[in-house]
PDB file of N, CA and C in Angstrom:
ATOM      1  N   UNK A   1     -17.506  25.230 -13.198  1.00  0.00           N
ATOM      2  CA  UNK A   1     -17.208  25.443 -11.812  1.00  0.00           C
ATOM      3  C   UNK A   1     -17.656  26.844 -11.432  1.00  0.00           C
ATOM      4  N   UNK A   2     -18.236  26.936 -10.283  1.00  0.00           N
ATOM      5  CA  UNK A   2     -18.706  28.223  -9.797  1.00  0.00           C
ATOM      6  C   UNK A   2     -17.519  29.123  -9.481  1.00  0.00           C
ATOM      7  N   UNK A   3     -17.587  30.368  -9.936  1.00  0.00           N
ATOM      8  CA  UNK A   3     -16.511  31.322  -9.697  1.00  0.00           C
ATOM      9  C   UNK A   3     -16.305  31.573  -8.206  1.00  0.00           C
ATOM     10  N   UNK A   4     -17.326  31.369  -7.390  1.00  0.00           N
ATOM     11  CA  UNK A   4     -17.225  31.601  -5.953  1.00  0.00           C
ATOM     12  C   UNK A   4     -16.676  30.393  -5.195  1.00  0.00           C
ATOM     13  N   UNK A   5     -16.352  29.339  -5.904  1.00  0.00           N
ATOM     14  CA  UNK A   5     -15.830  28.139  -5.250  1.00  0.00           C
ATOM     15  C   UNK A   5     -14.589  28.466  -4.435  1.00  0.00           C
ATOM     16  N   UNK A   6     -14.550  27.934  -3.219  1.00  0.00           N
ATOM     17  CA  UNK A   6     -13.392  28.151  -2.365  1.00  0.00           C
ATOM     18  C   UNK A   6     -12.329  27.083  -2.583  1.00  0.00           C
ATOM     19  N   UNK A   7     -12.651  26.064  -3.352  1.00  0.00           N
ATOM     20  CA  UNK A   7     -11.715  24.963  -3.582  1.00  0.00           C
ATOM     21  C   UNK A   7     -11.586  24.683  -5.078  1.00  0.00           C
ATOM     22  N   UNK A   8     -11.154  25.679  -5.813  1.00  0.00           N
ATOM     23  CA  UNK A   8     -11.048  25.543  -7.266  1.00  0.00           C
ATOM     24  C   UNK A   8     -10.069  24.439  -7.678  1.00  0.00           C
ATOM     25  N   UNK A   9      -8.971  24.309  -6.968  1.00  0.00           N
ATOM     26  CA  UNK A   9      -7.999  23.264  -7.293  1.00  0.00           C
ATOM     27  C   UNK A   9      -8.614  21.884  -7.210  1.00  0.00           C
ATOM     28  N   UNK A  10      -9.363  21.648  -6.145  1.00  0.00           N
ATOM     29  CA  UNK A  10     -10.041  20.365  -5.968  1.00  0.00           C
ATOM     30  C   UNK A  10     -11.090  20.167  -7.058  1.00  0.00           C
ATOM     31  N   UNK A  11     -11.816  21.230  -7.361  1.00  0.00           N
ATOM     32  CA  UNK A  11     -12.844  21.135  -8.400  1.00  0.00           C
ATOM     33  C   UNK A  11     -12.226  20.802  -9.756  1.00  0.00           C
ATOM     34  N   UNK A  12     -11.095  21.430 -10.056  1.00  0.00           N
ATOM     35  CA  UNK A  12     -10.441  21.155 -11.342  1.00  0.00           C
ATOM     36  C   UNK A  12      -9.947  19.720 -11.413  1.00  0.00           C
ATOM     37  N   UNK A  13      -9.615  19.125 -10.302  1.00  0.00           N
ATOM     38  CA  UNK A  13      -9.234  17.705 -10.297  1.00  0.00           C
ATOM     39  C   UNK A  13     -10.472  16.813 -10.434  1.00  0.00           C
ATOM     40  N   UNK A  14     -11.571  17.238  -9.825  1.00  0.00           N
ATOM     41  CA  UNK A  14     -12.801  16.446  -9.862  1.00  0.00           C
ATOM     42  C   UNK A  14     -13.412  16.403 -11.266  1.00  0.00           C
ATOM     43  N   UNK A  15     -13.431  17.533 -11.950  1.00  0.00           N
ATOM     44  CA  UNK A  15     -14.120  17.625 -13.249  1.00  0.00           C
ATOM     45  C   UNK A  15     -13.572  16.625 -14.268  1.00  0.00           C
ATOM     46  N   UNK A  16     -12.252  16.571 -14.511  1.00  0.00           N
ATOM     47  CA  UNK A  16     -11.768  15.587 -15.483  1.00  0.00           C
ATOM     48  C   UNK A  16     -11.981  14.147 -15.026  1.00  0.00           C
ATOM     49  N   UNK A  17     -11.912  13.917 -13.719  1.00  0.00           N
ATOM     50  CA  UNK A  17     -12.162  12.563 -13.226  1.00  0.00           C
ATOM     51  C   UNK A  17     -13.619  12.167 -13.492  1.00  0.00           C
ATOM     52  N   UNK A  18     -14.544  13.054 -13.125  1.00  0.00           N
ATOM     53  CA  UNK A  18     -15.973  12.747 -13.244  1.00  0.00           C
ATOM     54  C   UNK A  18     -16.413  12.565 -14.690  1.00  0.00           C
ATOM     55  N   UNK A  19     -15.702  13.175 -15.628  1.00  0.00           N
ATOM     56  CA  UNK A  19     -16.075  13.077 -17.044  1.00  0.00           C
ATOM     57  C   UNK A  19     -15.145  12.141 -17.818  1.00  0.00           C
ATOM     58  N   UNK A  20     -14.309  11.408 -17.104  1.00  0.00           N
ATOM     59  CA  UNK A  20     -13.326  10.535 -17.759  1.00  0.00           C
ATOM     60  C   UNK A  20     -13.971   9.313 -18.417  1.00  0.00           C
ATOM     61  N   UNK A  21     -13.236   8.721 -19.321  1.00  0.00           N
ATOM     62  CA  UNK A  21     -13.710   7.518 -20.001  1.00  0.00           C
ATOM     63  C   UNK A  21     -14.005   6.409 -19.000  1.00  0.00           C
ATOM     64  N   UNK A  22     -13.118   6.240 -18.022  1.00  0.00           N
ATOM     65  CA  UNK A  22     -13.278   5.157 -17.056  1.00  0.00           C
ATOM     66  C   UNK A  22     -14.538   5.332 -16.203  1.00  0.00           C
ATOM     67  N   UNK A  23     -14.772   6.529 -15.722  1.00  0.00           N
ATOM     68  CA  UNK A  23     -15.942   6.778 -14.873  1.00  0.00           C
ATOM     69  C   UNK A  23     -17.229   6.654 -15.689  1.00  0.00           C
ATOM     70  N   UNK A  24     -17.215   7.147 -16.919  1.00  0.00           N
ATOM     71  CA  UNK A  24     -18.400   7.038 -17.777  1.00  0.00           C
ATOM     72  C   UNK A  24     -18.740   5.573 -18.039  1.00  0.00           C
ATOM     73  N   UNK A  25     -17.736   4.772 -18.366  1.00  0.00           N
ATOM     74  CA  UNK A  25     -17.979   3.355 -18.637  1.00  0.00           C
ATOM     75  C   UNK A  25     -18.457   2.631 -17.379  1.00  0.00           C
ATOM     76  N   UNK A  26     -17.811   2.898 -16.250  1.00  0.00           N
ATOM     77  CA  UNK A  26     -18.211   2.256 -15.001  1.00  0.00           C
ATOM     78  C   UNK A  26     -19.655   2.611 -14.644  1.00  0.00           C
ATOM     79  N   UNK A  27     -20.015   3.888 -14.782  1.00  0.00           N
ATOM     80  CA  UNK A  27     -21.381   4.311 -14.491  1.00  0.00           C
ATOM     81  C   UNK A  27     -22.398   3.677 -15.423  1.00  0.00           C
ATOM     82  N   UNK A  28     -22.041   3.588 -16.694  1.00  0.00           N
ATOM     83  CA  UNK A  28     -22.948   2.993 -17.674  1.00  0.00           C
ATOM     84  C   UNK A  28     -23.165   1.511 -17.372  1.00  0.00           C
ATOM     85  N   UNK A  29     -22.096   0.809 -17.054  1.00  0.00           N
ATOM     86  CA  UNK A  29     -22.203  -0.626 -16.774  1.00  0.00           C
ATOM     87  C   UNK A  29     -22.935  -0.904 -15.466  1.00  0.00           C
ATOM     88  N   UNK A  30     -22.914   0.047 -14.553  1.00  0.00           N
ATOM     89  CA  UNK A  30     -23.614  -0.125 -13.281  1.00  0.00           C
ATOM     90  C   UNK A  30     -25.073   0.328 -13.371  1.00  0.00           C
ATOM     91  N   UNK A  31     -25.485   0.807 -14.552  1.00  0.00           N
ATOM     92  CA  UNK A  31     -26.852   1.282 -14.717  1.00  0.00           C
ATOM     93  C   UNK A  31     -27.093   2.627 -14.064  1.00  0.00           C
ATOM     94  N   UNK A  32     -26.014   3.364 -13.759  1.00  0.00           N
ATOM     95  CA  UNK A  32     -26.137   4.661 -13.104  1.00  0.00           C
ATOM     96  C   UNK A  32     -25.973   5.825 -14.074  1.00  0.00           C
ATOM     97  N   UNK A  33     -25.644   5.527 -15.301  1.00  0.00           N
ATOM     98  CA  UNK A  33     -25.460   6.569 -16.308  1.00  0.00           C
ATOM     99  C   UNK A  33     -26.274   6.169 -17.531  1.00  0.00           C
ATOM    100  N   UNK A  34     -27.414   6.788 -17.670  1.00  0.00           N
ATOM    101  CA  UNK A  34     -28.305   6.470 -18.780  1.00  0.00           C
ATOM    102  C   UNK A  34     -27.852   7.272 -19.999  1.00  0.00           C
ATOM    103  N   UNK A  35     -27.865   6.667 -21.149  1.00  0.00           N
ATOM    104  CA  UNK A  35     -27.440   7.327 -22.386  1.00  0.00           C
ATOM    105  C   UNK A  35     -26.047   7.938 -22.239  1.00  0.00           C
ATOM    106  N   UNK A  36     -25.030   7.107 -22.038  1.00  0.00           N
ATOM    107  CA  UNK A  36     -23.687   7.642 -21.834  1.00  0.00           C
ATOM    108  C   UNK A  36     -23.261   8.539 -22.997  1.00  0.00           C
ATOM    109  N   UNK A  37     -22.698   9.705 -22.688  1.00  0.00           N
ATOM    110  CA  UNK A  37     -22.378  10.669 -23.729  1.00  0.00           C
ATOM    111  C   UNK A  37     -21.045  10.436 -24.438  1.00  0.00           C
ATOM    112  N   UNK A  38     -20.197   9.577 -23.911  1.00  0.00           N
ATOM    113  CA  UNK A  38     -18.863   9.392 -24.496  1.00  0.00           C
ATOM    114  C   UNK A  38     -18.894   8.359 -25.622  1.00  0.00           C
ATOM    115  N   UNK A  39     -18.283   8.708 -26.737  1.00  0.00           N
ATOM    116  CA  UNK A  39     -18.153   7.775 -27.864  1.00  0.00           C
ATOM    117  C   UNK A  39     -17.412   6.521 -27.431  1.00  0.00           C
ATOM    118  N   UNK A  40     -16.412   6.694 -26.588  1.00  0.00           N
ATOM    119  CA  UNK A  40     -15.624   5.540 -26.139  1.00  0.00           C
ATOM    120  C   UNK A  40     -16.490   4.504 -25.432  1.00  0.00           C
ATOM    121  N   UNK A  41     -17.500   4.943 -24.713  1.00  0.00           N
ATOM    122  CA  UNK A  41     -18.397   3.998 -24.039  1.00  0.00           C
ATOM    123  C   UNK A  41     -19.195   3.210 -25.074  1.00  0.00           C
ATOM    124  N   UNK A  42     -19.693   3.905 -26.094  1.00  0.00           N
ATOM    125  CA  UNK A  42     -20.488   3.236 -27.125  1.00  0.00           C
ATOM    126  C   UNK A  42     -19.639   2.306 -27.981  1.00  0.00           C
ATOM    127  N   UNK A  43     -18.338   2.503 -27.984  1.00  0.00           N
ATOM    128  CA  UNK A  43     -17.440   1.627 -28.741  1.00  0.00           C
ATOM    129  C   UNK A  43     -16.920   0.465 -27.898  1.00  0.00           C
ATOM    130  N   UNK A  44     -17.229   0.447 -26.632  1.00  0.00           N
ATOM    131  CA  UNK A  44     -16.748  -0.592 -25.725  1.00  0.00           C
ATOM    132  C   UNK A  44     -17.648  -1.830 -25.816  1.00  0.00           C
ATOM    133  N   UNK A  45     -17.048  -2.974 -26.088  1.00  0.00           N
ATOM    134  CA  UNK A  45     -17.811  -4.213 -26.249  1.00  0.00           C
ATOM    135  C   UNK A  45     -18.565  -4.603 -24.975  1.00  0.00           C
ATOM    136  N   UNK A  46     -17.980  -4.327 -23.819  1.00  0.00           N
ATOM    137  CA  UNK A  46     -18.645  -4.668 -22.560  1.00  0.00           C
ATOM    138  C   UNK A  46     -19.940  -3.879 -22.414  1.00  0.00           C
ATOM    139  N   UNK A  47     -19.882  -2.584 -22.752  1.00  0.00           N
ATOM    140  CA  UNK A  47     -21.080  -1.737 -22.661  1.00  0.00           C
ATOM    141  C   UNK A  47     -22.137  -2.178 -23.666  1.00  0.00           C
ATOM    142  N   UNK A  48     -21.753  -2.371 -24.923  1.00  0.00           N
ATOM    143  CA  UNK A  48     -22.768  -2.718 -25.924  1.00  0.00           C
ATOM    144  C   UNK A  48     -23.388  -4.082 -25.633  1.00  0.00           C
ATOM    145  N   UNK A  49     -22.605  -5.001 -25.082  1.00  0.00           N
ATOM    146  CA  UNK A  49     -23.176  -6.300 -24.704  1.00  0.00           C
ATOM    147  C   UNK A  49     -24.169  -6.116 -23.552  1.00  0.00           C
ATOM    148  N   UNK A  50     -23.776  -5.329 -22.551  1.00  0.00           N
ATOM    149  CA  UNK A  50     -24.656  -5.055 -21.411  1.00  0.00           C
ATOM    150  C   UNK A  50     -25.945  -4.372 -21.871  1.00  0.00           C
ATOM    151  N   UNK A  51     -25.818  -3.336 -22.672  1.00  0.00           N
ATOM    152  CA  UNK A  51     -26.977  -2.545 -23.095  1.00  0.00           C
ATOM    153  C   UNK A  51     -27.812  -3.248 -24.161  1.00  0.00           C
ATOM    154  N   UNK A  52     -27.320  -4.351 -24.690  1.00  0.00           N
ATOM    155  CA  UNK A  52     -28.066  -5.104 -25.710  1.00  0.00           C
ATOM    156  C   UNK A  52     -28.931  -6.212 -25.111  1.00  0.00           C
ATOM    157  N   UNK A  53     -28.988  -6.287 -23.804  1.00  0.00           N
ATOM    158  CA  UNK A  53     -29.804  -7.304 -23.161  1.00  0.00           C
ATOM    159  C   UNK A  53     -31.280  -7.107 -23.547  1.00  0.00           C
ATOM    160  N   UNK A  54     -32.040  -8.187 -23.631  1.00  0.00           N
ATOM    161  CA  UNK A  54     -33.449  -8.088 -24.054  1.00  0.00           C
ATOM    162  C   UNK A  54     -34.292  -7.102 -23.241  1.00  0.00           C
ATOM    163  N   UNK A  55     -34.005  -6.995 -21.944  1.00  0.00           N
ATOM    164  CA  UNK A  55     -34.818  -6.094 -21.116  1.00  0.00           C
ATOM    165  C   UNK A  55     -34.629  -4.621 -21.457  1.00  0.00           C
ATOM    166  N   UNK A  56     -33.609  -4.306 -22.267  1.00  0.00           N
ATOM    167  CA  UNK A  56     -33.401  -2.921 -22.694  1.00  0.00           C
ATOM    168  C   UNK A  56     -34.068  -2.623 -24.043  1.00  0.00           C
ATOM    169  N   UNK A  57     -34.875  -3.562 -24.530  1.00  0.00           N
ATOM    170  CA  UNK A  57     -35.718  -3.334 -25.713  1.00  0.00           C
ATOM    171  C   UNK A  57     -34.980  -2.762 -26.919  1.00  0.00           C
ATOM    172  N   UNK A  58     -33.922  -3.417 -27.360  1.00  0.00           N
ATOM    173  CA  UNK A  58     -33.184  -3.007 -28.569  1.00  0.00           C
ATOM    174  C   UNK A  58     -32.576  -1.607 -28.450  1.00  0.00           C
ATOM    175  N   UNK A  59     -32.185  -1.222 -27.250  1.00  0.00           N
ATOM    176  CA  UNK A  59     -31.650   0.114 -26.996  1.00  0.00           C
ATOM    177  C   UNK A  59     -30.448   0.432 -27.887  1.00  0.00           C
ATOM    178  N   UNK A  60     -29.471  -0.457 -27.927  1.00  0.00           N
ATOM    179  CA  UNK A  60     -28.248  -0.194 -28.692  1.00  0.00           C
ATOM    180  C   UNK A  60     -28.548  -0.112 -30.181  1.00  0.00           C
ATOM    181  N   UNK A  61     -29.302  -1.061 -30.701  1.00  0.00           N
ATOM    182  CA  UNK A  61     -29.635  -1.035 -32.130  1.00  0.00           C
ATOM    183  C   UNK A  61     -30.404   0.227 -32.492  1.00  0.00           C
ATOM    184  N   UNK A  62     -31.358   0.593 -31.658  1.00  0.00           N
ATOM    185  CA  UNK A  62     -32.148   1.797 -31.923  1.00  0.00           C
ATOM    186  C   UNK A  62     -31.263   3.035 -31.910  1.00  0.00           C
ATOM    187  N   UNK A  63     -30.395   3.135 -30.908  1.00  0.00           N
ATOM    188  CA  UNK A  63     -29.504   4.291 -30.806  1.00  0.00           C
ATOM    189  C   UNK A  63     -28.621   4.411 -32.040  1.00  0.00           C
ATOM    190  N   UNK A  64     -28.022   3.299 -32.440  1.00  0.00           N
ATOM    191  CA  UNK A  64     -27.104   3.331 -33.586  1.00  0.00           C
ATOM    192  C   UNK A  64     -27.822   3.690 -34.885  1.00  0.00           C
ATOM    193  N   UNK A  65     -29.081   3.279 -35.020  1.00  0.00           N
ATOM    194  CA  UNK A  65     -29.825   3.576 -36.241  1.00  0.00           C
ATOM    195  C   UNK A  65     -30.243   5.035 -36.334  1.00  0.00           C
ATOM    196  N   UNK A  66     -30.520   5.658 -35.209  1.00  0.00           N
ATOM    197  CA  UNK A  66     -31.043   7.028 -35.259  1.00  0.00           C
ATOM    198  C   UNK A  66     -30.021   8.120 -34.986  1.00  0.00           C
ATOM    199  N   UNK A  67     -28.854   7.780 -34.452  1.00  0.00           N
ATOM    200  CA  UNK A  67     -27.931   8.819 -33.993  1.00  0.00           C
ATOM    201  C   UNK A  67     -27.524   9.800 -35.083  1.00  0.00           C
ATOM    202  N   UNK A  68     -27.417   9.374 -36.316  1.00  0.00           N
ATOM    203  CA  UNK A  68     -27.038  10.295 -37.396  1.00  0.00           C
ATOM    204  C   UNK A  68     -28.209  11.137 -37.898  1.00  0.00           C
ATOM    205  N   UNK A  69     -29.414  10.796 -37.459  1.00  0.00           N
ATOM    206  CA  UNK A  69     -30.600  11.508 -37.937  1.00  0.00           C
ATOM    207  C   UNK A  69     -31.307  12.286 -36.826  1.00  0.00           C
ATOM    208  N   UNK A  70     -30.846  12.097 -35.599  1.00  0.00           N
ATOM    209  CA  UNK A  70     -31.501  12.740 -34.457  1.00  0.00           C
ATOM    210  C   UNK A  70     -31.134  14.218 -34.387  1.00  0.00           C
ATOM    211  N   UNK A  71     -32.071  14.997 -33.927  1.00  0.00           N
ATOM    212  CA  UNK A  71     -31.843  16.427 -33.747  1.00  0.00           C
ATOM    213  C   UNK A  71     -32.763  16.926 -32.645  1.00  0.00           C
ATOM    214  N   UNK A  72     -32.363  17.994 -32.024  1.00  0.00           N
ATOM    215  CA  UNK A  72     -33.200  18.610 -31.018  1.00  0.00           C
ATOM    216  C   UNK A  72     -34.193  19.513 -31.738  1.00  0.00           C
ATOM    217  N   UNK A  73     -35.458  19.207 -31.572  1.00  0.00           N
ATOM    218  CA  UNK A  73     -36.493  19.995 -32.240  1.00  0.00           C
ATOM    219  C   UNK A  73     -37.595  20.307 -31.237  1.00  0.00           C
ATOM    220  N   UNK A  74     -38.060  21.518 -31.260  1.00  0.00           N
ATOM    221  CA  UNK A  74     -39.117  21.928 -30.355  1.00  0.00           C
ATOM    222  C   UNK A  74     -40.429  22.023 -31.108  1.00  0.00           C
ATOM    223  N   UNK A  75     -41.516  21.715 -30.422  1.00  0.00           N
ATOM    224  CA  UNK A  75     -42.833  21.875 -30.996  1.00  0.00           C
ATOM    225  C   UNK A  75     -43.087  23.372 -31.177  1.00  0.00           C
ATOM    226  N   UNK A  76     -43.475  23.799 -32.378  1.00  0.00           N
ATOM    227  CA  UNK A  76     -43.741  25.225 -32.580  1.00  0.00           C
ATOM    228  C   UNK A  76     -44.799  25.717 -31.593  1.00  0.00           C
ATOM    229  N   UNK A  77     -44.516  26.825 -30.974  1.00  0.00           N
ATOM    230  CA  UNK A  77     -45.450  27.383 -30.000  1.00  0.00           C
ATOM    231  C   UNK A  77     -45.266  28.896 -29.982  1.00  0.00           C
ATOM    232  N   UNK A  78     -46.356  29.583 -29.930  1.00  0.00           N
ATOM    233  CA  UNK A  78     -46.317  31.045 -29.888  1.00  0.00           C
ATOM    234  C   UNK A  78     -45.508  31.491 -28.679  1.00  0.00           C
ATOM    235  N   UNK A  79     -44.555  32.362 -28.906  1.00  0.00           N
ATOM    236  CA  UNK A  79     -43.759  32.926 -27.827  1.00  0.00           C
ATOM    237  C   UNK A  79     -42.563  32.094 -27.398  1.00  0.00           C
ATOM    238  N   UNK A  80     -42.404  30.897 -27.980  1.00  0.00           N
ATOM    239  CA  UNK A  80     -41.311  30.021 -27.549  1.00  0.00           C
ATOM    240  C   UNK A  80     -39.949  30.646 -27.816  1.00  0.00           C
ATOM    241  N   UNK A  81     -39.754  31.160 -29.014  1.00  0.00           N
ATOM    242  CA  UNK A  81     -38.472  31.766 -29.364  1.00  0.00           C
ATOM    243  C   UNK A  81     -38.128  32.923 -28.446  1.00  0.00           C
ATOM    244  N   UNK A  82     -39.084  33.756 -28.173  1.00  0.00           N
ATOM    245  CA  UNK A  82     -38.869  34.895 -27.291  1.00  0.00           C
ATOM    246  C   UNK A  82     -38.531  34.435 -25.876  1.00  0.00           C
ATOM    247  N   UNK A  83     -39.233  33.405 -25.417  1.00  0.00           N
ATOM    248  CA  UNK A  83     -38.970  32.885 -24.073  1.00  0.00           C
ATOM    249  C   UNK A  83     -37.560  32.305 -23.985  1.00  0.00           C
ATOM    250  N   UNK A  84     -37.127  31.590 -25.007  1.00  0.00           N
ATOM    251  CA  UNK A  84     -35.782  31.005 -24.994  1.00  0.00           C
ATOM    252  C   UNK A  84     -34.710  32.089 -25.064  1.00  0.00           C
ATOM    253  N   UNK A  85     -34.965  33.132 -25.821  1.00  0.00           N
ATOM    254  CA  UNK A  85     -34.009  34.244 -25.868  1.00  0.00           C
ATOM    255  C   UNK A  85     -33.921  34.933 -24.513  1.00  0.00           C
ATOM    256  N   UNK A  86     -35.069  35.145 -23.872  1.00  0.00           N
ATOM    257  CA  UNK A  86     -35.080  35.765 -22.549  1.00  0.00           C
ATOM    258  C   UNK A  86     -34.345  34.874 -21.546  1.00  0.00           C
ATOM    259  N   UNK A  87     -34.548  33.564 -21.665  1.00  0.00           N
ATOM    260  CA  UNK A  87     -33.861  32.610 -20.792  1.00  0.00           C
ATOM    261  C   UNK A  87     -32.348  32.714 -20.981  1.00  0.00           C
ATOM    262  N   UNK A  88     -31.891  32.786 -22.215  1.00  0.00           N
ATOM    263  CA  UNK A  88     -30.455  32.887 -22.492  1.00  0.00           C
ATOM    264  C   UNK A  88     -29.870  34.172 -21.905  1.00  0.00           C
ATOM    265  N   UNK A  89     -30.594  35.267 -22.047  1.00  0.00           N
ATOM    266  CA  UNK A  89     -30.136  36.547 -21.482  1.00  0.00           C
ATOM    267  C   UNK A  89     -30.058  36.436 -19.964  1.00  0.00           C
ATOM    268  N   UNK A  90     -31.074  35.853 -19.347  1.00  0.00           N
ATOM    269  CA  UNK A  90     -31.090  35.703 -17.892  1.00  0.00           C
ATOM    270  C   UNK A  90     -29.931  34.823 -17.424  1.00  0.00           C
ATOM    271  N   UNK A  91     -29.657  33.752 -18.151  1.00  0.00           N
ATOM    272  CA  UNK A  91     -28.544  32.875 -17.786  1.00  0.00           C
ATOM    273  C   UNK A  91     -27.230  33.646 -17.793  1.00  0.00           C
ATOM    274  N   UNK A  92     -27.015  34.449 -18.819  1.00  0.00           N
ATOM    275  CA  UNK A  92     -25.785  35.236 -18.891  1.00  0.00           C
ATOM    276  C   UNK A  92     -25.687  36.223 -17.731  1.00  0.00           C
ATOM    277  N   UNK A  93     -26.801  36.823 -17.384  1.00  0.00           N
ATOM    278  CA  UNK A  93     -26.799  37.758 -16.254  1.00  0.00           C
ATOM    279  C   UNK A  93     -26.386  37.045 -14.966  1.00  0.00           C
ATOM    280  N   UNK A  94     -26.967  35.866 -14.749  1.00  0.00           N
ATOM    281  CA  UNK A  94     -26.662  35.129 -13.521  1.00  0.00           C
ATOM    282  C   UNK A  94     -25.220  34.644 -13.507  1.00  0.00           C
ATOM    283  N   UNK A  95     -24.738  34.164 -14.648  1.00  0.00           N
ATOM    284  CA  UNK A  95     -23.340  33.736 -14.749  1.00  0.00           C
ATOM    285  C   UNK A  95     -22.406  34.899 -14.439  1.00  0.00           C
ATOM    286  N   UNK A  96     -22.807  36.085 -14.826  1.00  0.00           N
ATOM    287  CA  UNK A  96     -21.972  37.267 -14.608  1.00  0.00           C
ATOM    288  C   UNK A  96     -22.218  37.943 -13.259  1.00  0.00           C
ATOM    289  N   UNK A  97     -22.971  37.290 -12.372  1.00  0.00           N
ATOM    290  CA  UNK A  97     -23.066  37.774 -11.011  1.00  0.00           C
ATOM    291  C   UNK A  97     -24.384  38.352 -10.553  1.00  0.00           C
ATOM    292  N   UNK A  98     -25.370  38.510 -11.439  1.00  0.00           N
ATOM    293  CA  UNK A  98     -26.660  39.032 -10.989  1.00  0.00           C
ATOM    294  C   UNK A  98     -27.301  38.050 -10.011  1.00  0.00           C
ATOM    295  N   UNK A  99     -28.100  38.564  -9.102  1.00  0.00           N
ATOM    296  CA  UNK A  99     -28.780  37.741  -8.118  1.00  0.00           C
ATOM    297  C   UNK A  99     -29.701  36.742  -8.813  1.00  0.00           C
ATOM    298  N   UNK A 100     -29.547  35.469  -8.489  1.00  0.00           N
ATOM    299  CA  UNK A 100     -30.284  34.403  -9.173  1.00  0.00           C
ATOM    300  C   UNK A 100     -31.785  34.519  -8.936  1.00  0.00           C
ATOM    301  N   UNK A 101     -32.199  34.651  -7.691  1.00  0.00           N
ATOM    302  CA  UNK A 101     -33.635  34.697  -7.400  1.00  0.00           C
ATOM    303  C   UNK A 101     -34.306  35.893  -8.070  1.00  0.00           C
ATOM    304  N   UNK A 102     -33.681  37.051  -7.976  1.00  0.00           N
ATOM    305  CA  UNK A 102     -34.236  38.257  -8.597  1.00  0.00           C
ATOM    306  C   UNK A 102     -34.318  38.098 -10.109  1.00  0.00           C
ATOM    307  N   UNK A 103     -33.260  37.563 -10.704  1.00  0.00           N
ATOM    308  CA  UNK A 103     -33.215  37.393 -12.159  1.00  0.00           C
ATOM    309  C   UNK A 103     -34.274  36.405 -12.627  1.00  0.00           C
ATOM    310  N   UNK A 104     -34.425  35.294 -11.916  1.00  0.00           N
ATOM    311  CA  UNK A 104     -35.422  34.292 -12.316  1.00  0.00           C
ATOM    312  C   UNK A 104     -36.853  34.803 -12.134  1.00  0.00           C
ATOM    313  N   UNK A 105     -37.085  35.573 -11.096  1.00  0.00           N
ATOM    314  CA  UNK A 105     -38.430  36.158 -10.910  1.00  0.00           C
ATOM    315  C   UNK A 105     -38.748  37.118 -12.064  1.00  0.00           C
ATOM    316  N   UNK A 106     -37.768  37.940 -12.439  1.00  0.00           N
ATOM    317  CA  UNK A 106     -37.975  38.870 -13.555  1.00  0.00           C
ATOM    318  C   UNK A 106     -38.175  38.108 -14.859  1.00  0.00           C
ATOM    319  N   UNK A 107     -37.430  37.035 -15.038  1.00  0.00           N
ATOM    320  CA  UNK A 107     -37.578  36.203 -16.236  1.00  0.00           C
ATOM    321  C   UNK A 107     -38.976  35.597 -16.301  1.00  0.00           C
ATOM    322  N   UNK A 108     -39.429  35.042 -15.192  1.00  0.00           N
ATOM    323  CA  UNK A 108     -40.772  34.436 -15.164  1.00  0.00           C
ATOM    324  C   UNK A 108     -41.834  35.450 -15.516  1.00  0.00           C
ATOM    325  N   UNK A 109     -41.708  36.652 -14.981  1.00  0.00           N
ATOM    326  CA  UNK A 109     -42.677  37.693 -15.271  1.00  0.00           C
ATOM    327  C   UNK A 109     -42.618  38.084 -16.740  1.00  0.00           C
ATOM    328  N   UNK A 110     -41.412  38.199 -17.290  1.00  0.00           N
ATOM    329  CA  UNK A 110     -41.261  38.554 -18.719  1.00  0.00           C
ATOM    330  C   UNK A 110     -41.897  37.488 -19.605  1.00  0.00           C
ATOM    331  N   UNK A 111     -41.693  36.244 -19.271  1.00  0.00           N
ATOM    332  CA  UNK A 111     -42.274  35.149 -20.077  1.00  0.00           C
ATOM    333  C   UNK A 111     -43.792  35.147 -19.947  1.00  0.00           C
ATOM    334  N   UNK A 112     -44.311  35.292 -18.721  1.00  0.00           N
ATOM    335  CA  UNK A 112     -45.778  35.341 -18.528  1.00  0.00           C
ATOM    336  C   UNK A 112     -46.401  36.485 -19.315  1.00  0.00           C
ATOM    337  N   UNK A 113     -45.764  37.636 -19.268  1.00  0.00           N
ATOM    338  CA  UNK A 113     -46.282  38.809 -19.973  1.00  0.00           C
ATOM    339  C   UNK A 113     -46.293  38.566 -21.482  1.00  0.00           C
ATOM    340  N   UNK A 114     -45.271  37.876 -21.969  1.00  0.00           N
ATOM    341  CA  UNK A 114     -45.157  37.615 -23.396  1.00  0.00           C
ATOM    342  C   UNK A 114     -46.144  36.589 -23.915  1.00  0.00           C
ATOM    343  N   UNK A 115     -46.675  35.751 -23.025  1.00  0.00           N
ATOM    344  CA  UNK A 115     -47.629  34.718 -23.457  1.00  0.00           C
ATOM    345  C   UNK A 115     -48.997  35.339 -23.569  1.00  0.00           C
TER     346      UNK A 115
END
């Protein structure tokens, strides 16, 4: 939630609702939530039956087979590590109140210079 929010109470009520088991399952079953992140959704028989339809090309079976072996991996590229570190620093600056546009422009220039 944004620290500048004028309706923090409402936001705090919205966040748990929007990330709840019920909303995740409903969104997944309606085709509005791709790759549902909740374990409870993947354990729900209604969801796995829905997602196992032929038009989804073995989606559930494929997911279950690879989930223990999947990892986020980036293609090695010169300057990638430096760019990601600069991005992380810029994100922290913006979270802590620095001007977003100014920070992103400086970040873009730093990354361009580094390439």
